[in-house]
C-alpha atoms as a PDB file:
ATOM      1  CA  MET A   1     -22.270   5.243-129.364  1.00  0.00           C
ATOM      2  CA  LYS A   2     -22.713   8.970-129.393  1.00  0.00           C
ATOM      3  CA  THR A   3     -23.523   8.955-125.698  1.00  0.00           C
ATOM      4  CA  ASN A   4     -20.418   6.900-124.898  1.00  0.00           C
ATOM      5  CA  THR A   5     -18.254   9.316-126.859  1.00  0.00           C
ATOM      6  CA  SER A   6     -19.910  12.273-125.140  1.00  0.00           C
ATOM      7  CA  ILE A   7     -19.376  10.712-121.694  1.00  0.00           C
ATOM      8  CA  ILE A   8     -15.733   9.887-122.498  1.00  0.00           C
ATOM      9  CA  LEU A   9     -15.087  13.414-123.777  1.00  0.00           C
ATOM     10  CA  LEU A  10     -16.814  14.882-120.739  1.00  0.00           C
ATOM     11  CA  LEU A  11     -14.756  12.727-118.361  1.00  0.00           C
ATOM     12  CA  LEU A  12     -11.600  13.538-120.316  1.00  0.00           C
ATOM     13  CA  SER A  13     -12.321  17.290-120.134  1.00  0.00           C
ATOM     14  CA  VAL A  14     -13.013  17.104-116.359  1.00  0.00           C
ATOM     15  CA  GLY A  15      -9.811  15.101-115.819  1.00  0.00           C
ATOM     16  CA  LEU A  16      -7.835  17.515-117.967  1.00  0.00           C
ATOM     17  CA  PHE A  17      -9.285  20.449-116.029  1.00  0.00           C
ATOM     18  CA  TYR A  18      -8.254  19.030-112.631  1.00  0.00           C
ATOM     19  CA  THR A  19      -4.832  17.788-113.743  1.00  0.00           C
ATOM     20  CA  PHE A  20      -3.609  20.650-115.890  1.00  0.00           C
ATOM     21  CA  THR A  21      -5.965  23.622-116.263  1.00  0.00           C
ATOM     22  CA  ASN A  22      -6.796  24.044-112.555  1.00  0.00           C
ATOM     23  CA  VAL A  23      -3.100  23.943-111.576  1.00  0.00           C
ATOM     24  CA  GLN A  24      -2.282  26.562-114.199  1.00  0.00           C
ATOM     25  CA  TYR A  25      -5.289  28.649-113.143  1.00  0.00           C
ATOM     26  CA  GLN A  26      -4.133  28.633-109.494  1.00  0.00           C
ATOM     27  CA  GLU A  27      -0.631  29.660-110.606  1.00  0.00           C
ATOM     28  CA  VAL A  28      -2.088  32.542-112.637  1.00  0.00           C
ATOM     29  CA  GLN A  29      -4.111  33.651-109.590  1.00  0.00           C
ATOM     30  CA  ARG A  30      -0.986  33.565-107.393  1.00  0.00           C
ATOM     31  CA  LEU A  31       1.008  35.547-109.951  1.00  0.00           C
ATOM     32  CA  SER A  32      -1.838  38.051-110.269  1.00  0.00           C
ATOM     33  CA  VAL A  33      -1.775  38.670-106.501  1.00  0.00           C
ATOM     34  CA  LEU A  34       2.023  38.988-106.619  1.00  0.00           C
ATOM     35  CA  ALA A  35       1.769  41.459-109.503  1.00  0.00           C
ATOM     36  CA  GLY A  36      -0.687  43.526-107.450  1.00  0.00           C
ATOM     37  CA  GLU A  37       1.770  43.611-104.548  1.00  0.00           C
ATOM     38  CA  TYR A  38       4.562  44.692-106.888  1.00  0.00           C
ATOM     39  CA  LYS A  39       2.357  47.478-108.264  1.00  0.00           C
ATOM     40  CA  LYS A  40       1.749  48.725-104.697  1.00  0.00           C
ATOM     41  CA  VAL A  41       5.486  48.629-103.993  1.00  0.00           C
ATOM     42  CA  LEU A  42       6.193  50.587-107.175  1.00  0.00           C
ATOM     43  CA  GLN A  43       3.543  53.156-106.217  1.00  0.00           C
ATOM     44  CA  ASN A  44       5.148  53.487-102.755  1.00  0.00           C
ATOM     45  CA  VAL A  45       8.590  53.909-104.319  1.00  0.00           C
ATOM     46  CA  ALA A  46       7.217  56.597-106.628  1.00  0.00           C
ATOM     47  CA  ALA A  47       5.596  58.388-103.665  1.00  0.00           C
ATOM     48  CA  ILE A  48       8.813  58.185-101.630  1.00  0.00           C
ATOM     49  CA  SER A  49      10.824  59.468-104.590  1.00  0.00           C
ATOM     50  CA  GLU A  50       8.423  62.369-105.021  1.00  0.00           C
ATOM     51  CA  LEU A  51       8.627  63.174-101.298  1.00  0.00           C
ATOM     52  CA  ARG A  52      12.445  63.025-101.443  1.00  0.00           C
ATOM     53  CA  ASP A  53      12.448  65.447-104.374  1.00  0.00           C
ATOM     54  CA  ARG A  54      10.107  67.861-102.578  1.00  0.00           C
ATOM     55  CA  LEU A  55      12.238  67.710 -99.423  1.00  0.00           C
ATOM     56  CA  ARG A  56      15.387  68.310-101.450  1.00  0.00           C
ATOM     57  CA  VAL A  57      13.818  71.391-103.065  1.00  0.00           C
ATOM     58  CA  THR A  58      12.741  72.630 -99.622  1.00  0.00           C
ATOM     59  CA  TYR A  59      16.217  71.976 -98.203  1.00  0.00           C
ATOM     60  CA  GLU A  60      17.839  73.868-101.063  1.00  0.00           C
ATOM     61  CA  THR A  61      15.625  76.893-100.380  1.00  0.00           C
ATOM     62  CA  LEU A  62      16.842  77.117 -96.762  1.00  0.00           C
ATOM     63  CA  PRO A  63      19.405  79.829 -96.146  1.00  0.00           C
ATOM     64  CA  VAL A  64      22.964  78.588 -95.620  1.00  0.00           C
ATOM     65  CA  ALA A  65      23.073  80.241 -92.185  1.00  0.00           C
ATOM     66  CA  GLU A  66      20.077  78.191 -91.033  1.00  0.00           C
ATOM     67  CA  ILE A  67      21.642  74.950 -92.271  1.00  0.00           C
ATOM     68  CA  GLU A  68      24.825  75.802 -90.367  1.00  0.00           C
ATOM     69  CA  ARG A  69      22.780  76.444 -87.215  1.00  0.00           C
ATOM     70  CA  ILE A  70      21.062  73.059 -87.559  1.00  0.00           C
ATOM     71  CA  ASN A  71      24.415  71.350 -88.111  1.00  0.00           C
ATOM     72  CA  LYS A  72      25.834  73.080 -85.038  1.00  0.00           C
ATOM     73  CA  MET A  73      22.857  72.035 -82.918  1.00  0.00           C
ATOM     74  CA  LEU A  74      23.061  68.355 -83.811  1.00  0.00           C
ATOM     75  CA  PRO A  75      26.146  67.614 -85.919  1.00  0.00           C
ATOM     76  CA  ASP A  76      26.699  64.397 -87.842  1.00  0.00           C
ATOM     77  CA  ASN A  77      30.056  63.727 -86.143  1.00  0.00           C
ATOM     78  CA  ILE A  78      31.889  64.608 -82.970  1.00  0.00           C
ATOM     79  CA  ASN A  79      34.679  67.099 -83.456  1.00  0.00           C
ATOM     80  CA  THR A  80      36.263  67.168 -80.017  1.00  0.00           C
ATOM     81  CA  VAL A  81      38.707  69.920 -80.945  1.00  0.00           C
ATOM     82  CA  ARG A  82      35.904  72.195 -82.195  1.00  0.00           C
ATOM     83  CA  LEU A  83      33.820  71.387 -79.094  1.00  0.00           C
ATOM     84  CA  ALA A  84      36.740  72.212 -76.770  1.00  0.00           C
ATOM     85  CA  LEU A  85      37.386  75.466 -78.645  1.00  0.00           C
ATOM     86  CA  ASP A  86      33.708  76.445 -78.428  1.00  0.00           C
ATOM     87  CA  LEU A  87      33.646  75.811 -74.684  1.00  0.00           C
ATOM     88  CA  ASP A  88      36.946  77.649 -74.214  1.00  0.00           C
ATOM     89  CA  SER A  89      35.683  80.669 -76.183  1.00  0.00           C
ATOM     90  CA  MET A  90      32.518  80.732 -74.044  1.00  0.00           C
ATOM     91  CA  ALA A  91      34.629  80.656 -70.885  1.00  0.00           C
ATOM     92  CA  SER A  92      37.132  83.250 -72.124  1.00  0.00           C
ATOM     93  CA  ARG A  93      34.341  85.844 -72.471  1.00  0.00           C
ATOM     94  CA  TYR A  94      34.242  85.973 -68.677  1.00  0.00           C
ATOM     95  CA  GLY A  95      37.971  85.743 -68.047  1.00  0.00           C
ATOM     96  CA  ILE A  96      37.796  82.026 -67.257  1.00  0.00           C
ATOM     97  CA  SER A  97      40.743  79.904 -68.310  1.00  0.00           C
ATOM     98  CA  ILE A  98      39.942  76.209 -68.595  1.00  0.00           C
ATOM     99  CA  ASP A  99      42.624  74.231 -66.759  1.00  0.00           C
ATOM    100  CA  SER A 100      41.622  70.765 -67.876  1.00  0.00           C
ATOM    101  CA  ILE A 101      39.277  69.292 -70.403  1.00  0.00           C
ATOM    102  CA  LYS A 102      38.536  65.621 -70.943  1.00  0.00           C
ATOM    103  CA  VAL A 103      36.242  64.099 -73.565  1.00  0.00           C
ATOM    104  CA  GLU A 104      34.828  60.573 -73.267  1.00  0.00           C
ATOM    105  CA  VAL A 105      32.996  59.345 -76.345  1.00  0.00           C
ATOM    106  CA  GLY A 106      30.375  56.671 -75.810  1.00  0.00           C
ATOM    107  CA  THR A 107      27.034  55.352 -77.020  1.00  0.00           C
ATOM    108  CA  ALA A 108      23.827  56.223 -75.221  1.00  0.00           C
ATOM    109  CA  GLU A 109      23.505  53.313 -72.806  1.00  0.00           C
ATOM    110  CA  ASP A 110      19.897  53.154 -71.744  1.00  0.00           C
ATOM    111  CA  ALA A 111      17.456  53.518 -74.635  1.00  0.00           C
ATOM    112  CA  SER A 112      14.494  53.316 -72.216  1.00  0.00           C
ATOM    113  CA  LEU A 113      15.491  56.709 -70.773  1.00  0.00           C
ATOM    114  CA  ALA A 114      15.175  58.417 -74.156  1.00  0.00           C
ATOM    115  CA  VAL A 115      12.040  60.450 -74.684  1.00  0.00           C
ATOM    116  CA  LEU A 116      11.454  58.783 -78.050  1.00  0.00           C
ATOM    117  CA  SER A 117      13.010  55.372 -77.478  1.00  0.00           C
ATOM    118  CA  GLU A 118      12.635  54.332 -81.126  1.00  0.00           C
ATOM    119  CA  TYR A 119      15.160  57.066 -81.998  1.00  0.00           C
ATOM    120  CA  ALA A 120      17.642  56.172 -79.253  1.00  0.00           C
ATOM    121  CA  GLU A 121      19.888  54.352 -81.729  1.00  0.00           C
ATOM    122  CA  VAL A 122      20.342  57.303 -84.092  1.00  0.00           C
ATOM    123  CA  TYR A 123      22.600  59.361 -81.871  1.00  0.00           C
ATOM    124  CA  ASP A 124      25.785  59.007 -79.854  1.00  0.00           C
ATOM    125  CA  LYS A 125      26.931  61.055 -76.914  1.00  0.00           C
ATOM    126  CA  ALA A 126      30.140  62.361 -75.447  1.00  0.00           C
ATOM    127  CA  THR A 127      30.837  63.428 -71.894  1.00  0.00           C
ATOM    128  CA  VAL A 128      33.021  66.502 -71.591  1.00  0.00           C
ATOM    129  CA  SER A 129      34.612  67.331 -68.230  1.00  0.00           C
ATOM    130  CA  LEU A 130      35.893  70.854 -67.643  1.00  0.00           C
ATOM    131  CA  GLY A 131      38.052  72.095 -64.795  1.00  0.00           C
ATOM    132  CA  PHE A 132      38.589  75.811 -64.113  1.00  0.00           C
ATOM    133  CA  ILE A 133      38.865  78.482 -61.408  1.00  0.00           C
ATOM    134  CA  SER A 134      36.347  81.308 -61.391  1.00  0.00           C
ATOM    135  CA  SER A 135      34.100  83.519 -59.314  1.00  0.00           C
ATOM    136  CA  TYR A 136      30.546  82.382 -58.746  1.00  0.00           C
ATOM    137  CA  ALA A 137      29.107  85.219 -60.860  1.00  0.00           C
ATOM    138  CA  ASP A 138      31.305  84.337 -63.846  1.00  0.00           C
ATOM    139  CA  PHE A 139      30.441  80.674 -63.409  1.00  0.00           C
ATOM    140  CA  MET A 140      26.724  81.489 -63.569  1.00  0.00           C
ATOM    141  CA  ARG A 141      27.255  83.568 -66.727  1.00  0.00           C
ATOM    142  CA  LEU A 142      29.154  80.669 -68.298  1.00  0.00           C
ATOM    143  CA  LEU A 143      26.269  78.316 -67.464  1.00  0.00           C
ATOM    144  CA  ALA A 144      23.827  80.807 -69.007  1.00  0.00           C
ATOM    145  CA  ASP A 145      25.921  80.852 -72.201  1.00  0.00           C
ATOM    146  CA  MET A 146      26.020  77.051 -72.282  1.00  0.00           C
ATOM    147  CA  GLU A 147      22.241  77.043 -71.898  1.00  0.00           C
ATOM    148  CA  LYS A 148      21.780  79.497 -74.798  1.00  0.00           C
ATOM    149  CA  SER A 149      24.290  77.726 -77.019  1.00  0.00           C
ATOM    150  CA  LEU A 150      22.960  76.097 -80.177  1.00  0.00           C
ATOM    151  CA  ARG A 151      24.843  72.909 -79.301  1.00  0.00           C
ATOM    152  CA  ILE A 152      22.644  70.520 -77.303  1.00  0.00           C
ATOM    153  CA  MET A 153      24.349  69.997 -73.944  1.00  0.00           C
ATOM    154  CA  ASP A 154      23.121  68.463 -70.695  1.00  0.00           C
ATOM    155  CA  ILE A 155      24.991  69.384 -67.541  1.00  0.00           C
ATOM    156  CA  LYS A 156      25.380  66.145 -65.609  1.00  0.00           C
ATOM    157  CA  SER A 157      27.406  67.254 -62.585  1.00  0.00           C
ATOM    158  CA  VAL A 158      28.961  70.293 -60.982  1.00  0.00           C
ATOM    159  CA  ALA A 159      31.562  70.112 -58.213  1.00  0.00           C
ATOM    160  CA  LEU A 160      33.239  73.090 -56.551  1.00  0.00           C
ATOM    161  CA  GLU A 161      35.848  73.775 -53.902  1.00  0.00           C
ATOM    162  CA  THR A 162      36.957  77.032 -52.379  1.00  0.00           C
ATOM    163  CA  ASN A 163      40.550  78.186 -52.364  1.00  0.00           C
ATOM    164  CA  GLU A 164      42.517  80.900 -50.509  1.00  0.00           C
ATOM    165  CA  SER A 165      41.920  83.595 -53.131  1.00  0.00           C
ATOM    166  CA  GLY A 166      38.149  83.585 -52.618  1.00  0.00           C
ATOM    167  CA  LEU A 167      37.533  81.985 -56.010  1.00  0.00           C
ATOM    168  CA  TYR A 168      36.093  78.537 -56.590  1.00  0.00           C
ATOM    169  CA  GLU A 169      37.599  75.551 -58.357  1.00  0.00           C
ATOM    170  CA  TYR A 170      34.884  74.071 -60.579  1.00  0.00           C
ATOM    171  CA  GLU A 171      34.599  70.679 -62.203  1.00  0.00           C
ATOM    172  CA  ILE A 172      31.676  70.376 -64.656  1.00  0.00           C
ATOM    173  CA  ALA A 173      30.574  67.282 -66.588  1.00  0.00           C
ATOM    174  CA  VAL A 174      28.507  67.985 -69.713  1.00  0.00           C
ATOM    175  CA  GLU A 175      26.945  65.536 -72.178  1.00  0.00           C
ATOM    176  CA  THR A 176      26.606  66.472 -75.817  1.00  0.00           C
ATOM    177  CA  TYR A 177      25.113  64.524 -78.719  1.00  0.00           C
ATOM    178  CA  TRP A 178      25.582  63.948 -82.427  1.00  0.00           C
ATOM    179  CA  LEU A 179      23.890  61.906 -85.130  1.00  0.00           C
ATOM    180  CA  LYS A 180      25.355  58.539 -86.091  1.00  0.00           C
END
């Protein structure tokens, strides 16, 4: 009888293991793996938070003038009035009076043309067209100023016509960028 009881208890314990204990054990294993993933995520969040704090301290140590220069180079919005005034002040240094100015705001169309295509979606661009009358020497000085300007500008086209006074009528198209 003892052997029958032992066999029954053994079979009962094996059945209990496969019906209840094994299922619970597998669930514990799954939750243990999930807990490990959560710990990694929390470590990453802590590392990112620490990096953010270090960057904030570094940013706060930058001089205000440098921050303003960075914001002028690649602003976070397009201020068409400020842009037109900047271009007009550049031109007025050489006695150039801008006759017409037109700003077309649009998104960068072809991301494959960007040097770093993964960053093509983080900026927008505006095309600024300027019309003015000037001598060639003053025009070249204006282009040199635009080149040295902190504001990122790409000259897309230049058209000129002569007139009776010996001066040229210029039409320039410039692209400028800002962060979204």
